[in-house]
C-alpha atoms as a PDB file:
ATOM      1  CA  MET A   1      -9.131  76.298  -8.054  1.00  0.00           C
ATOM      2  CA  ILE A   2      -5.986  73.989  -6.422  1.00  0.00           C
ATOM      3  CA  ASN A   3      -3.450  73.414  -9.055  1.00  0.00           C
ATOM      4  CA  PRO A   4      -3.801  69.319  -9.471  1.00  0.00           C
ATOM      5  CA  SER A   5      -0.166  68.945  -8.722  1.00  0.00           C
ATOM      6  CA  GLN A   6      -0.806  70.903  -5.288  1.00  0.00           C
ATOM      7  CA  SER A   7      -3.594  68.381  -3.966  1.00  0.00           C
ATOM      8  CA  LYS A   8      -3.017  65.446  -1.341  1.00  0.00           C
ATOM      9  CA  GLU A   9      -4.000  63.057  -4.269  1.00  0.00           C
ATOM     10  CA  TYR A  10      -0.912  64.273  -6.313  1.00  0.00           C
ATOM     11  CA  ALA A  11       1.694  63.773  -3.435  1.00  0.00           C
ATOM     12  CA  ASP A  12       0.148  60.038  -2.707  1.00  0.00           C
ATOM     13  CA  ARG A  13       0.386  59.027  -6.780  1.00  0.00           C
ATOM     14  CA  LEU A  14       4.285  60.361  -6.318  1.00  0.00           C
ATOM     15  CA  VAL A  15       4.490  58.004  -3.346  1.00  0.00           C
ATOM     16  CA  ARG A  16       3.240  54.985  -4.939  1.00  0.00           C
ATOM     17  CA  LEU A  17       5.287  55.559  -8.247  1.00  0.00           C
ATOM     18  CA  GLN A  18       8.280  55.839  -6.145  1.00  0.00           C
ATOM     19  CA  GLN A  19       7.484  52.731  -4.247  1.00  0.00           C
ATOM     20  CA  SER A  20       6.576  50.547  -7.670  1.00  0.00           C
ATOM     21  CA  SER A  21       8.394  47.361  -7.040  1.00  0.00           C
ATOM     22  CA  TRP A  22       9.568  47.109 -10.415  1.00  0.00           C
ATOM     23  CA  LYS A  23      11.545  50.328  -9.865  1.00  0.00           C
ATOM     24  CA  ARG A  24      12.826  49.330  -6.558  1.00  0.00           C
ATOM     25  CA  ILE A  25      14.150  45.909  -7.948  1.00  0.00           C
ATOM     26  CA  LEU A  26      15.762  47.462 -11.024  1.00  0.00           C
ATOM     27  CA  ASN A  27      17.006  50.604  -8.760  1.00  0.00           C
ATOM     28  CA  VAL A  28      15.478  52.354 -11.972  1.00  0.00           C
ATOM     29  CA  GLN A  29      16.745  56.148 -10.093  1.00  0.00           C
ATOM     30  CA  ALA A  30      20.597  55.104  -9.935  1.00  0.00           C
ATOM     31  CA  PRO A  31      21.350  56.789 -13.069  1.00  0.00           C
ATOM     32  CA  TYR A  32      19.335  59.914 -11.865  1.00  0.00           C
ATOM     33  CA  ARG A  33      21.036  59.854  -8.651  1.00  0.00           C
ATOM     34  CA  TRP A  34      24.299  59.859 -10.869  1.00  0.00           C
ATOM     35  CA  ASN A  35      23.356  62.625 -12.739  1.00  0.00           C
ATOM     36  CA  LEU A  36      22.947  64.843  -9.933  1.00  0.00           C
ATOM     37  CA  ARG A  37      25.839  64.067  -7.699  1.00  0.00           C
ATOM     38  CA  ARG A  38      28.186  64.594 -11.171  1.00  0.00           C
ATOM     39  CA  LEU A  39      26.713  68.047 -11.301  1.00  0.00           C
ATOM     40  CA  ASN A  40      28.526  68.992  -8.257  1.00  0.00           C
ATOM     41  CA  MET A  41      25.672  71.330  -6.749  1.00  0.00           C
ATOM     42  CA  GLY A  42      26.890  71.853  -3.379  1.00  0.00           C
ATOM     43  CA  LYS A  43      23.886  73.190  -0.826  1.00  0.00           C
ATOM     44  CA  VAL A  44      21.082  73.264  -3.385  1.00  0.00           C
ATOM     45  CA  LEU A  45      17.695  74.950  -2.963  1.00  0.00           C
ATOM     46  CA  ASP A  46      15.588  72.159  -4.878  1.00  0.00           C
ATOM     47  CA  ILE A  47      12.393  74.301  -5.606  1.00  0.00           C
ATOM     48  CA  GLY A  48       9.244  72.150  -6.432  1.00  0.00           C
ATOM     49  CA  CYS A  49      11.004  69.264  -4.263  1.00  0.00           C
ATOM     50  CA  GLY A  50       7.975  67.409  -4.269  1.00  0.00           C
ATOM     51  CA  ILE A  51       8.192  64.177  -1.371  1.00  0.00           C
ATOM     52  CA  GLY A  52      11.516  64.794  -1.837  1.00  0.00           C
ATOM     53  CA  ARG A  53      13.139  61.919  -4.527  1.00  0.00           C
ATOM     54  CA  ASN A  54      15.989  64.716  -5.528  1.00  0.00           C
ATOM     55  CA  LEU A  55      16.462  65.958  -1.528  1.00  0.00           C
ATOM     56  CA  ILE A  56      17.600  62.429  -0.539  1.00  0.00           C
ATOM     57  CA  ASN A  57      20.216  62.676  -2.876  1.00  0.00           C
ATOM     58  CA  LEU A  58      21.422  66.228  -2.208  1.00  0.00           C
ATOM     59  CA  ALA A  59      23.433  66.567   0.601  1.00  0.00           C
ATOM     60  CA  GLY A  60      22.563  69.426   3.062  1.00  0.00           C
ATOM     61  CA  GLY A  61      19.964  70.253   0.382  1.00  0.00           C
ATOM     62  CA  VAL A  62      16.670  72.394   1.257  1.00  0.00           C
ATOM     63  CA  GLY A  63      13.268  71.696  -0.700  1.00  0.00           C
ATOM     64  CA  ILE A  64      10.381  74.063  -1.238  1.00  0.00           C
ATOM     65  CA  ASP A  65       6.828  72.841  -2.818  1.00  0.00           C
ATOM     66  CA  PRO A  66       3.611  74.295  -2.516  1.00  0.00           C
ATOM     67  CA  ASN A  67       2.135  70.698  -2.235  1.00  0.00           C
ATOM     68  CA  THR A  68       1.788  70.868   1.861  1.00  0.00           C
ATOM     69  CA  SER A  69       1.080  66.937   1.788  1.00  0.00           C
ATOM     70  CA  ALA A  70       4.008  66.207  -0.122  1.00  0.00           C
ATOM     71  CA  VAL A  71       6.081  68.584   2.078  1.00  0.00           C
ATOM     72  CA  GLU A  72       4.720  66.628   5.102  1.00  0.00           C
ATOM     73  CA  ILE A  73       6.172  63.502   3.464  1.00  0.00           C
ATOM     74  CA  ALA A  74       9.504  64.959   2.641  1.00  0.00           C
ATOM     75  CA  CYS A  75      10.175  66.211   6.134  1.00  0.00           C
ATOM     76  CA  ALA A  76       8.704  62.699   8.031  1.00  0.00           C
ATOM     77  CA  HIS A  77      11.951  60.925   5.875  1.00  0.00           C
ATOM     78  CA  GLY A  78      14.316  63.163   7.939  1.00  0.00           C
ATOM     79  CA  LEU A  79      14.385  65.953   4.625  1.00  0.00           C
ATOM     80  CA  THR A  80      14.042  69.869   5.169  1.00  0.00           C
ATOM     81  CA  ALA A  81      11.195  70.699   3.211  1.00  0.00           C
ATOM     82  CA  TYR A  82       8.705  73.861   3.580  1.00  0.00           C
ATOM     83  CA  THR A  83       5.889  75.402   1.888  1.00  0.00           C
ATOM     84  CA  PRO A  84       6.858  78.850   0.318  1.00  0.00           C
ATOM     85  CA  GLU A  85       5.383  80.920   3.197  1.00  0.00           C
ATOM     86  CA  ALA A  86       7.169  78.716   5.763  1.00  0.00           C
ATOM     87  CA  PHE A  87      10.368  78.981   3.994  1.00  0.00           C
ATOM     88  CA  ASP A  88      10.290  82.331   3.840  1.00  0.00           C
ATOM     89  CA  ALA A  89      10.032  82.979   7.644  1.00  0.00           C
ATOM     90  CA  SER A  90      13.038  80.075   8.216  1.00  0.00           C
ATOM     91  CA  PRO A  91      16.710  80.421   8.678  1.00  0.00           C
ATOM     92  CA  ASP A  92      17.172  78.532   5.679  1.00  0.00           C
ATOM     93  CA  SER A  93      16.214  81.682   3.234  1.00  0.00           C
ATOM     94  CA  ARG A  94      19.009  83.495   3.388  1.00  0.00           C
ATOM     95  CA  GLN A  95      20.638  85.938   0.573  1.00  0.00           C
ATOM     96  CA  ASP A  96      23.628  84.304  -1.110  1.00  0.00           C
ATOM     97  CA  SER A  97      23.418  81.024   0.968  1.00  0.00           C
ATOM     98  CA  TYR A  98      23.242  78.377  -1.936  1.00  0.00           C
ATOM     99  CA  ASP A  99      25.428  76.905  -4.283  1.00  0.00           C
ATOM    100  CA  SER A 100      22.891  75.763  -6.769  1.00  0.00           C
ATOM    101  CA  ILE A 101      18.930  76.090  -7.460  1.00  0.00           C
ATOM    102  CA  LEU A 102      17.378  73.018  -8.579  1.00  0.00           C
ATOM    103  CA  LEU A 103      14.102  73.055 -10.701  1.00  0.00           C
ATOM    104  CA  ALA A 104      13.587  69.310 -11.633  1.00  0.00           C
ATOM    105  CA  HIS A 105      10.148  68.412 -13.218  1.00  0.00           C
ATOM    106  CA  VAL A 106       8.396  71.935 -12.286  1.00  0.00           C
ATOM    107  CA  ALA A 107       8.281  74.253 -15.253  1.00  0.00           C
ATOM    108  CA  GLU A 108       5.990  71.931 -17.293  1.00  0.00           C
ATOM    109  CA  HIS A 109       3.488  71.960 -14.488  1.00  0.00           C
ATOM    110  CA  ILE A 110       3.218  75.563 -14.318  1.00  0.00           C
ATOM    111  CA  GLY A 111       4.408  76.704 -17.589  1.00  0.00           C
ATOM    112  CA  LEU A 112       7.226  79.241 -19.016  1.00  0.00           C
ATOM    113  CA  GLN A 113       6.355  82.631 -17.713  1.00  0.00           C
ATOM    114  CA  ALA A 114       5.081  80.946 -14.361  1.00  0.00           C
ATOM    115  CA  THR A 115       8.953  79.265 -14.110  1.00  0.00           C
ATOM    116  CA  ILE A 116      10.682  82.623 -14.594  1.00  0.00           C
ATOM    117  CA  LEU A 117       8.822  84.285 -11.944  1.00  0.00           C
ATOM    118  CA  LEU A 118       9.610  81.469  -9.345  1.00  0.00           C
ATOM    119  CA  ILE A 119      13.051  81.076 -10.255  1.00  0.00           C
ATOM    120  CA  LYS A 120      13.208  84.718  -9.904  1.00  0.00           C
ATOM    121  CA  ARG A 121      11.790  85.021  -6.131  1.00  0.00           C
ATOM    122  CA  TYR A 122      14.586  82.677  -5.139  1.00  0.00           C
ATOM    123  CA  LEU A 123      17.710  84.006  -7.159  1.00  0.00           C
ATOM    124  CA  ASN A 124      18.960  86.464  -4.756  1.00  0.00           C
ATOM    125  CA  LEU A 125      19.622  83.345  -2.495  1.00  0.00           C
ATOM    126  CA  LEU A 126      21.948  81.986  -4.734  1.00  0.00           C
ATOM    127  CA  LYS A 127      25.584  82.658  -4.467  1.00  0.00           C
ATOM    128  CA  PRO A 128      27.707  84.750  -7.195  1.00  0.00           C
ATOM    129  CA  ASN A 129      28.829  82.275 -10.390  1.00  0.00           C
ATOM    130  CA  GLY A 130      25.932  79.785  -8.453  1.00  0.00           C
ATOM    131  CA  GLN A 131      24.213  77.540 -11.172  1.00  0.00           C
ATOM    132  CA  VAL A 132      20.903  77.077 -11.948  1.00  0.00           C
ATOM    133  CA  VAL A 133      19.626  73.496 -13.189  1.00  0.00           C
ATOM    134  CA  ILE A 134      16.482  73.098 -14.701  1.00  0.00           C
ATOM    135  CA  ILE A 135      15.335  69.434 -15.752  1.00  0.00           C
ATOM    136  CA  THR A 136      11.857  68.661 -17.775  1.00  0.00           C
ATOM    137  CA  PRO A 137      10.281  65.713 -19.403  1.00  0.00           C
ATOM    138  CA  GLN A 138      10.972  64.834 -22.918  1.00  0.00           C
ATOM    139  CA  GLU A 139       7.895  64.179 -25.396  1.00  0.00           C
ATOM    140  CA  ALA A 140       6.916  60.644 -23.615  1.00  0.00           C
ATOM    141  CA  GLY A 141       7.309  61.908 -20.441  1.00  0.00           C
ATOM    142  CA  TYR A 142       5.418  65.393 -20.998  1.00  0.00           C
ATOM    143  CA  GLN A 143       2.620  63.066 -22.140  1.00  0.00           C
ATOM    144  CA  SER A 144       2.650  60.663 -19.417  1.00  0.00           C
ATOM    145  CA  ASP A 145       0.983  63.139 -16.802  1.00  0.00           C
ATOM    146  CA  ALA A 146      -2.645  65.067 -17.387  1.00  0.00           C
ATOM    147  CA  THR A 147      -0.932  67.651 -14.679  1.00  0.00           C
ATOM    148  CA  HIS A 148       1.453  68.949 -17.329  1.00  0.00           C
ATOM    149  CA  ILE A 149       0.683  72.316 -19.133  1.00  0.00           C
ATOM    150  CA  GLU A 150       3.330  73.141 -21.219  1.00  0.00           C
ATOM    151  CA  PHE A 151       6.092  71.433 -23.031  1.00  0.00           C
ATOM    152  CA  VAL A 152       9.468  72.989 -22.367  1.00  0.00           C
ATOM    153  CA  ASP A 153      12.061  71.856 -24.299  1.00  0.00           C
ATOM    154  CA  PHE A 154      15.733  73.129 -24.804  1.00  0.00           C
ATOM    155  CA  ASP A 155      14.382  76.685 -26.883  1.00  0.00           C
ATOM    156  CA  LYS A 156      12.102  77.444 -24.357  1.00  0.00           C
ATOM    157  CA  LEU A 157      14.879  76.474 -21.296  1.00  0.00           C
ATOM    158  CA  ARG A 158      17.262  78.970 -23.322  1.00  0.00           C
ATOM    159  CA  GLU A 159      13.879  81.781 -23.130  1.00  0.00           C
ATOM    160  CA  ILE A 160      13.783  81.121 -19.560  1.00  0.00           C
ATOM    161  CA  ASN A 161      17.887  81.471 -19.258  1.00  0.00           C
ATOM    162  CA  THR A 162      17.589  84.674 -21.358  1.00  0.00           C
ATOM    163  CA  ALA A 163      14.970  85.987 -19.148  1.00  0.00           C
ATOM    164  CA  LEU A 164      16.723  85.870 -16.008  1.00  0.00           C
ATOM    165  CA  GLY A 165      20.101  87.047 -17.331  1.00  0.00           C
ATOM    166  CA  LEU A 166      22.006  83.481 -16.479  1.00  0.00           C
ATOM    167  CA  VAL A 167      24.782  82.249 -18.433  1.00  0.00           C
ATOM    168  CA  GLU A 168      24.555  79.112 -20.065  1.00  0.00           C
ATOM    169  CA  SER A 169      26.822  76.600 -19.056  1.00  0.00           C
ATOM    170  CA  ARG A 170      25.713  73.218 -20.563  1.00  0.00           C
ATOM    171  CA  SER A 171      22.878  71.498 -21.937  1.00  0.00           C
ATOM    172  CA  TYR A 172      21.983  67.535 -22.829  1.00  0.00           C
ATOM    173  CA  SER A 173      19.713  64.955 -23.079  1.00  0.00           C
ATOM    174  CA  PHE A 174      19.789  62.426 -20.396  1.00  0.00           C
ATOM    175  CA  PRO A 175      19.778  59.338 -19.473  1.00  0.00           C
ATOM    176  CA  PHE A 176      19.630  58.873 -24.038  1.00  0.00           C
ATOM    177  CA  PRO A 177      20.388  60.742 -27.114  1.00  0.00           C
ATOM    178  CA  ARG A 178      17.506  63.129 -27.962  1.00  0.00           C
ATOM    179  CA  ILE A 179      15.983  60.996 -30.491  1.00  0.00           C
ATOM    180  CA  LEU A 180      14.588  58.402 -27.919  1.00  0.00           C
ATOM    181  CA  GLY A 181      12.636  61.261 -26.043  1.00  0.00           C
ATOM    182  CA  ARG A 182       9.513  60.615 -28.211  1.00  0.00           C
ATOM    183  CA  VAL A 183       9.222  57.137 -27.099  1.00  0.00           C
ATOM    184  CA  PHE A 184      11.295  56.746 -23.569  1.00  0.00           C
ATOM    185  CA  ARG A 185       9.175  57.905 -21.011  1.00  0.00           C
ATOM    186  CA  TYR A 186      12.015  58.832 -18.921  1.00  0.00           C
ATOM    187  CA  ASN A 187      14.316  60.844 -20.627  1.00  0.00           C
ATOM    188  CA  GLU A 188      15.059  64.388 -19.731  1.00  0.00           C
ATOM    189  CA  PHE A 189      15.795  67.781 -21.029  1.00  0.00           C
ATOM    190  CA  VAL A 190      19.208  68.856 -18.644  1.00  0.00           C
ATOM    191  CA  PHE A 191      19.853  72.699 -18.918  1.00  0.00           C
ATOM    192  CA  VAL A 192      22.529  74.291 -16.934  1.00  0.00           C
ATOM    193  CA  SER A 193      23.417  77.982 -16.519  1.00  0.00           C
ATOM    194  CA  ARG A 194      25.014  80.227 -13.885  1.00  0.00           C
ATOM    195  CA  LYS A 195      24.353  83.283 -12.340  1.00  0.00           C
ATOM    196  CA  SER A 196      26.813  86.078 -12.952  1.00  0.00           C
ATOM    197  CA  SER A 197      29.599  86.785 -10.189  1.00  0.00           C
ATOM    198  CA  TYR A 198      28.647  90.131 -10.385  1.00  0.00           C
ATOM    199  CA  LYS A 199      26.086  91.337  -8.129  1.00  0.00           C
END
């Protein structure tokens, strides 16, 4: 059975949400773009890139997503994105070639254990001392999507971090204080860690 977030309908929904007129008028993505830029991620592997919302703001970023329709949409916008199988066979799949791994709004779709396995699959592509950035929705955002299966808060993000042997750098609530996550749909947990500099 296909995961709902891997269907064409889900990719089409992402496009509709991104093209909402009120979002374009208010430029609601501006603070999130700023947040990505201030993390100084360098060359990024965006795992679960969807239609490329974050890739657009990551110079030289490469995306992976199991949703074929989403990958096609991202590529149609001139972005570099692959399905996992196509990525494995591509020249972009090289050990120690990325400064950062980004996993934004993915963990809540697949759960804690699957998230650990997913990041572990690509961790060898991250340079020593490279960073891993995981972003998940807080309560209101989590409840807004029926394809979310597990609420991933700071405690669970630390579990992921520990299981992968990463070193926590910082964690914070964005764009507003944590207390607003229960009512503001777009409040996020942001968790940044580093790969050991030793191989």
